[in-house]
Amino acid sequence: MLVLIPQLHGLHWLLATNYLQHAHADGSGEGLNFARNFYGWVNPLLFNIGLHTAHHQHPRAHWAELPALQENYRPLISPCLNERGLLRYMWRTYCLGLLHPRWRSRSLHIKE
């Protein structure tokens, strides 16, 4: 119980966070708008995985290097993909989004 429950809980949050980082991003393969980035307390807890653009651009970089690398990409990414925090994004998108469409996430994928 001391191993299985924390392991399943951690796996749930890992998969959910990974989904949120890619949902509605531009998956066309062009540019840097392929992932959402979360800033704030989630990064020290999850080894800076919230800095997802830097993680994808430098997959072999040590997690401690990601904040400096991410600062190079931040101005090049659509502002709607740079979020102040994970829980704030979840609240706005999934709770407030039920009340008003402007809070919902919208796809950046370019349709041809």
N, C-alpha and C. Protein backbone atom coordinates (compact mmCIF):
# COMPACT_ATOMS: atom_id res chain seq x y z
N MET A 1 0.81 -1.20 0.00
CA MET A 1 0.00 0.00 0.00
C MET A 1 0.86 1.27 0.00
N LEU A 2 2.00 1.20 0.68
CA LEU A 2 2.86 2.38 0.74
C LEU A 2 3.60 2.62 -0.57
N VAL A 3 3.64 1.64 -1.44
CA VAL A 3 4.30 1.78 -2.73
C VAL A 3 3.28 1.92 -3.85
N LEU A 4 2.30 1.05 -3.87
CA LEU A 4 1.35 0.99 -4.97
C LEU A 4 0.49 2.25 -5.08
N ILE A 5 -0.08 2.71 -4.00
CA ILE A 5 -0.96 3.88 -4.05
C ILE A 5 -0.20 5.14 -4.49
N PRO A 6 0.95 5.47 -3.89
CA PRO A 6 1.70 6.65 -4.40
C PRO A 6 2.14 6.49 -5.85
N GLN A 7 2.51 5.28 -6.24
CA GLN A 7 2.94 5.04 -7.61
C GLN A 7 1.79 5.30 -8.59
N LEU A 8 0.60 4.78 -8.31
CA LEU A 8 -0.55 5.00 -9.18
C LEU A 8 -0.97 6.47 -9.20
N HIS A 9 -0.92 7.12 -8.06
CA HIS A 9 -1.25 8.54 -8.00
C HIS A 9 -0.25 9.36 -8.82
N GLY A 10 1.02 9.07 -8.68
CA GLY A 10 2.05 9.77 -9.45
C GLY A 10 1.91 9.55 -10.94
N LEU A 11 1.60 8.33 -11.33
CA LEU A 11 1.41 8.02 -12.75
C LEU A 11 0.22 8.79 -13.31
N HIS A 12 -0.86 8.87 -12.53
CA HIS A 12 -2.04 9.62 -12.96
C HIS A 12 -1.68 11.08 -13.24
N TRP A 13 -0.96 11.72 -12.32
CA TRP A 13 -0.61 13.13 -12.50
C TRP A 13 0.38 13.32 -13.64
N LEU A 14 1.28 12.39 -13.82
CA LEU A 14 2.23 12.47 -14.93
C LEU A 14 1.50 12.42 -16.27
N LEU A 15 0.59 11.47 -16.42
CA LEU A 15 -0.16 11.34 -17.68
C LEU A 15 -1.08 12.54 -17.90
N ALA A 16 -1.74 13.00 -16.86
CA ALA A 16 -2.64 14.15 -17.00
C ALA A 16 -1.86 15.41 -17.37
N THR A 17 -0.74 15.64 -16.74
CA THR A 17 0.08 16.82 -17.05
C THR A 17 0.60 16.75 -18.47
N ASN A 18 1.04 15.59 -18.90
CA ASN A 18 1.54 15.43 -20.27
C ASN A 18 0.43 15.71 -21.28
N TYR A 19 -0.77 15.23 -21.01
CA TYR A 19 -1.91 15.51 -21.90
C TYR A 19 -2.16 17.01 -21.99
N LEU A 20 -2.22 17.69 -20.84
CA LEU A 20 -2.51 19.13 -20.83
C LEU A 20 -1.44 19.93 -21.55
N GLN A 21 -0.21 19.45 -21.55
CA GLN A 21 0.86 20.17 -22.22
C GLN A 21 0.75 20.09 -23.73
N HIS A 22 0.08 19.09 -24.24
CA HIS A 22 -0.01 18.94 -25.70
C HIS A 22 -1.41 19.18 -26.26
N ALA A 23 -2.43 19.13 -25.42
CA ALA A 23 -3.81 19.30 -25.89
C ALA A 23 -3.99 20.71 -26.47
N HIS A 24 -4.53 20.77 -27.66
CA HIS A 24 -4.84 22.00 -28.39
C HIS A 24 -3.61 22.80 -28.80
N ALA A 25 -2.44 22.24 -28.68
CA ALA A 25 -1.25 22.90 -29.22
C ALA A 25 -1.19 22.60 -30.71
N ASP A 26 -0.32 23.29 -31.41
CA ASP A 26 -0.20 23.11 -32.86
C ASP A 26 0.67 21.89 -33.14
N GLY A 27 0.07 20.83 -33.59
CA GLY A 27 0.79 19.60 -33.84
C GLY A 27 1.30 19.47 -35.27
N SER A 28 1.35 20.57 -36.00
CA SER A 28 1.75 20.49 -37.40
C SER A 28 3.24 20.22 -37.58
N GLY A 29 4.03 20.42 -36.52
CA GLY A 29 5.47 20.19 -36.62
C GLY A 29 6.25 21.42 -37.02
N GLU A 30 5.55 22.52 -37.29
CA GLU A 30 6.22 23.76 -37.67
C GLU A 30 6.25 24.71 -36.47
N GLY A 31 7.36 25.35 -36.23
CA GLY A 31 7.46 26.33 -35.16
C GLY A 31 7.58 25.69 -33.79
N LEU A 32 7.36 26.51 -32.76
CA LEU A 32 7.53 26.06 -31.38
C LEU A 32 6.23 25.96 -30.61
N ASN A 33 5.10 26.04 -31.30
CA ASN A 33 3.81 26.02 -30.62
C ASN A 33 3.25 24.61 -30.45
N PHE A 34 4.11 23.65 -30.20
CA PHE A 34 3.70 22.26 -30.08
C PHE A 34 3.41 21.83 -28.65
N ALA A 35 3.68 22.70 -27.67
CA ALA A 35 3.48 22.30 -26.28
C ALA A 35 3.15 23.51 -25.42
N ARG A 36 2.33 23.28 -24.41
CA ARG A 36 1.99 24.29 -23.41
C ARG A 36 3.04 24.22 -22.31
N ASN A 37 3.40 25.38 -21.79
CA ASN A 37 4.41 25.46 -20.74
C ASN A 37 3.76 25.98 -19.47
N PHE A 38 4.06 25.33 -18.36
CA PHE A 38 3.54 25.75 -17.06
C PHE A 38 4.69 26.28 -16.23
N TYR A 39 4.49 27.48 -15.70
CA TYR A 39 5.49 28.09 -14.82
C TYR A 39 4.96 28.00 -13.39
N GLY A 40 5.80 28.23 -12.43
CA GLY A 40 5.34 28.21 -11.04
C GLY A 40 5.84 27.00 -10.28
N TRP A 41 5.13 26.67 -9.19
CA TRP A 41 5.59 25.66 -8.23
C TRP A 41 5.62 24.25 -8.79
N VAL A 42 4.90 24.00 -9.87
CA VAL A 42 4.88 22.63 -10.41
C VAL A 42 6.27 22.20 -10.88
N ASN A 43 7.08 23.13 -11.32
CA ASN A 43 8.39 22.78 -11.86
C ASN A 43 9.36 22.22 -10.82
N PRO A 44 9.52 22.84 -9.67
CA PRO A 44 10.41 22.21 -8.68
C PRO A 44 9.91 20.83 -8.22
N LEU A 45 8.59 20.65 -8.22
CA LEU A 45 8.03 19.36 -7.80
C LEU A 45 8.21 18.27 -8.85
N LEU A 46 8.19 18.67 -10.13
CA LEU A 46 8.25 17.69 -11.22
C LEU A 46 9.49 17.86 -12.10
N PHE A 47 10.57 18.32 -11.50
CA PHE A 47 11.86 18.42 -12.19
C PHE A 47 11.77 19.25 -13.48
N ASN A 48 11.07 20.38 -13.40
CA ASN A 48 10.96 21.36 -14.49
C ASN A 48 10.29 20.82 -15.76
N ILE A 49 9.48 19.80 -15.62
CA ILE A 49 8.82 19.26 -16.80
C ILE A 49 7.75 20.21 -17.34
N GLY A 50 7.34 21.17 -16.54
CA GLY A 50 6.39 22.18 -17.01
C GLY A 50 6.98 23.06 -18.10
N LEU A 51 8.30 23.14 -18.15
CA LEU A 51 9.00 23.90 -19.18
C LEU A 51 9.16 22.99 -20.39
N HIS A 52 8.04 22.72 -21.03
CA HIS A 52 7.96 21.61 -21.97
C HIS A 52 8.62 21.89 -23.31
N THR A 53 8.64 23.14 -23.74
CA THR A 53 9.30 23.45 -25.01
C THR A 53 10.79 23.19 -24.90
N ALA A 54 11.40 23.67 -23.83
CA ALA A 54 12.83 23.44 -23.62
C ALA A 54 13.11 21.95 -23.47
N HIS A 55 12.21 21.23 -22.80
CA HIS A 55 12.37 19.79 -22.64
C HIS A 55 12.38 19.08 -24.00
N HIS A 56 11.48 19.49 -24.91
CA HIS A 56 11.45 18.87 -26.23
C HIS A 56 12.63 19.29 -27.11
N GLN A 57 13.02 20.54 -27.01
CA GLN A 57 14.12 21.04 -27.83
C GLN A 57 15.48 20.51 -27.36
N HIS A 58 15.58 20.23 -26.08
CA HIS A 58 16.83 19.73 -25.49
C HIS A 58 16.54 18.51 -24.61
N PRO A 59 16.16 17.38 -25.21
CA PRO A 59 15.73 16.23 -24.41
C PRO A 59 16.82 15.63 -23.52
N ARG A 60 18.06 15.91 -23.82
CA ARG A 60 19.14 15.35 -22.99
C ARG A 60 19.66 16.33 -21.95
N ALA A 61 19.09 17.53 -21.91
CA ALA A 61 19.53 18.52 -20.93
C ALA A 61 19.10 18.09 -19.53
N HIS A 62 19.93 18.37 -18.55
CA HIS A 62 19.59 18.11 -17.16
C HIS A 62 18.43 19.01 -16.77
N TRP A 63 17.54 18.51 -15.91
CA TRP A 63 16.35 19.28 -15.55
C TRP A 63 16.68 20.64 -14.95
N ALA A 64 17.81 20.78 -14.31
CA ALA A 64 18.19 22.07 -13.71
C ALA A 64 18.56 23.11 -14.77
N GLU A 65 18.86 22.69 -15.97
CA GLU A 65 19.20 23.61 -17.07
C GLU A 65 17.97 24.13 -17.81
N LEU A 66 16.82 23.49 -17.63
CA LEU A 66 15.63 23.84 -18.41
C LEU A 66 15.12 25.27 -18.20
N PRO A 67 15.14 25.84 -16.97
CA PRO A 67 14.66 27.22 -16.84
C PRO A 67 15.45 28.22 -17.71
N ALA A 68 16.75 28.10 -17.74
CA ALA A 68 17.55 29.02 -18.57
C ALA A 68 17.29 28.78 -20.05
N LEU A 69 17.15 27.54 -20.45
CA LEU A 69 16.87 27.23 -21.86
C LEU A 69 15.49 27.72 -22.26
N GLN A 70 14.51 27.57 -21.35
CA GLN A 70 13.14 27.98 -21.65
C GLN A 70 13.04 29.48 -21.89
N GLU A 71 13.82 30.27 -21.20
CA GLU A 71 13.76 31.73 -21.38
C GLU A 71 14.09 32.14 -22.81
N ASN A 72 14.90 31.36 -23.52
CA ASN A 72 15.20 31.65 -24.92
C ASN A 72 13.99 31.43 -25.81
N TYR A 73 13.13 30.49 -25.43
CA TYR A 73 11.97 30.13 -26.26
C TYR A 73 10.71 30.89 -25.90
N ARG A 74 10.61 31.36 -24.69
CA ARG A 74 9.36 31.98 -24.20
C ARG A 74 8.81 33.06 -25.13
N PRO A 75 9.62 34.00 -25.63
CA PRO A 75 9.05 35.03 -26.51
C PRO A 75 8.65 34.51 -27.89
N LEU A 76 9.10 33.32 -28.26
CA LEU A 76 8.82 32.75 -29.58
C LEU A 76 7.58 31.86 -29.59
N ILE A 77 7.00 31.64 -28.43
CA ILE A 77 5.85 30.75 -28.28
C ILE A 77 4.59 31.60 -28.17
N SER A 78 3.49 31.10 -28.74
CA SER A 78 2.21 31.79 -28.61
C SER A 78 1.91 32.05 -27.14
N PRO A 79 1.51 33.27 -26.78
CA PRO A 79 1.23 33.59 -25.37
C PRO A 79 0.19 32.66 -24.72
N CYS A 80 -0.73 32.12 -25.52
CA CYS A 80 -1.74 31.23 -24.94
C CYS A 80 -1.15 29.88 -24.52
N LEU A 81 0.09 29.61 -24.87
CA LEU A 81 0.74 28.36 -24.47
C LEU A 81 1.70 28.55 -23.29
N ASN A 82 1.84 29.76 -22.81
CA ASN A 82 2.66 30.04 -21.63
C ASN A 82 1.73 30.32 -20.46
N GLU A 83 1.57 29.36 -19.59
CA GLU A 83 0.63 29.45 -18.48
C GLU A 83 1.36 29.72 -17.17
N ARG A 84 0.73 30.51 -16.30
CA ARG A 84 1.33 30.83 -15.01
C ARG A 84 1.40 29.64 -14.08
N GLY A 85 0.43 28.75 -14.19
CA GLY A 85 0.44 27.58 -13.30
C GLY A 85 -0.47 26.48 -13.80
N LEU A 86 -0.17 25.26 -13.41
CA LEU A 86 -0.93 24.09 -13.83
C LEU A 86 -2.33 24.11 -13.23
N LEU A 87 -2.45 24.27 -11.92
CA LEU A 87 -3.77 24.25 -11.29
C LEU A 87 -4.62 25.43 -11.73
N ARG A 88 -4.01 26.57 -11.92
CA ARG A 88 -4.72 27.76 -12.42
C ARG A 88 -5.30 27.47 -13.81
N TYR A 89 -4.49 26.86 -14.67
CA TYR A 89 -4.95 26.51 -16.02
C TYR A 89 -6.10 25.50 -15.95
N MET A 90 -5.97 24.49 -15.11
CA MET A 90 -7.02 23.48 -14.98
C MET A 90 -8.32 24.11 -14.47
N TRP A 91 -8.24 25.00 -13.49
CA TRP A 91 -9.42 25.68 -12.95
C TRP A 91 -10.10 26.51 -14.03
N ARG A 92 -9.30 27.31 -14.71
CA ARG A 92 -9.86 28.19 -15.74
C ARG A 92 -10.48 27.39 -16.88
N THR A 93 -9.78 26.38 -17.36
CA THR A 93 -10.23 25.63 -18.53
C THR A 93 -11.39 24.70 -18.23
N TYR A 94 -11.30 23.95 -17.16
CA TYR A 94 -12.29 22.90 -16.91
C TYR A 94 -13.42 23.32 -15.98
N CYS A 95 -13.24 24.34 -15.17
CA CYS A 95 -14.32 24.80 -14.30
C CYS A 95 -14.97 26.06 -14.86
N LEU A 96 -14.18 27.11 -15.04
CA LEU A 96 -14.74 28.35 -15.59
C LEU A 96 -15.17 28.16 -17.04
N GLY A 97 -14.51 27.25 -17.76
CA GLY A 97 -14.88 26.97 -19.14
C GLY A 97 -16.29 26.42 -19.28
N LEU A 98 -16.81 25.82 -18.23
CA LEU A 98 -18.20 25.36 -18.25
C LEU A 98 -19.18 26.53 -18.23
N LEU A 99 -18.75 27.64 -17.64
CA LEU A 99 -19.62 28.80 -17.50
C LEU A 99 -19.57 29.76 -18.68
N HIS A 100 -18.39 29.84 -19.31
CA HIS A 100 -18.25 30.78 -20.42
C HIS A 100 -17.23 30.26 -21.43
N PRO A 101 -17.55 30.30 -22.72
CA PRO A 101 -16.64 29.76 -23.74
C PRO A 101 -15.28 30.43 -23.81
N ARG A 102 -15.16 31.68 -23.39
CA ARG A 102 -13.87 32.37 -23.52
C ARG A 102 -12.78 31.75 -22.66
N TRP A 103 -13.15 31.00 -21.65
CA TRP A 103 -12.17 30.37 -20.77
C TRP A 103 -11.74 28.99 -21.25
N ARG A 104 -12.41 28.47 -22.25
CA ARG A 104 -12.08 27.14 -22.75
C ARG A 104 -10.80 27.16 -23.58
N SER A 105 -10.15 26.04 -23.65
CA SER A 105 -8.96 25.89 -24.49
C SER A 105 -9.40 25.76 -25.95
N ARG A 106 -8.64 26.39 -26.84
CA ARG A 106 -8.94 26.31 -28.27
C ARG A 106 -7.72 25.75 -29.01
N SER A 107 -8.01 24.99 -30.03
CA SER A 107 -6.93 24.36 -30.78
C SER A 107 -6.14 25.38 -31.59
N LEU A 108 -4.83 25.23 -31.57
CA LEU A 108 -3.94 26.06 -32.39
C LEU A 108 -3.57 25.37 -33.69
N HIS A 109 -4.04 24.12 -33.83
CA HIS A 109 -3.69 23.36 -35.03
C HIS A 109 -4.22 24.06 -36.27
N ILE A 110 -3.34 24.26 -37.22
CA ILE A 110 -3.70 24.95 -38.46
C ILE A 110 -4.29 23.93 -39.41
N LYS A 111 -5.52 24.15 -39.81
CA LYS A 111 -6.18 23.24 -40.75
C LYS A 111 -5.93 23.73 -42.16
N GLU A 112 -5.56 22.81 -43.02
CA GLU A 112 -5.28 23.16 -44.42
C GLU A 112 -6.45 22.83 -45.31
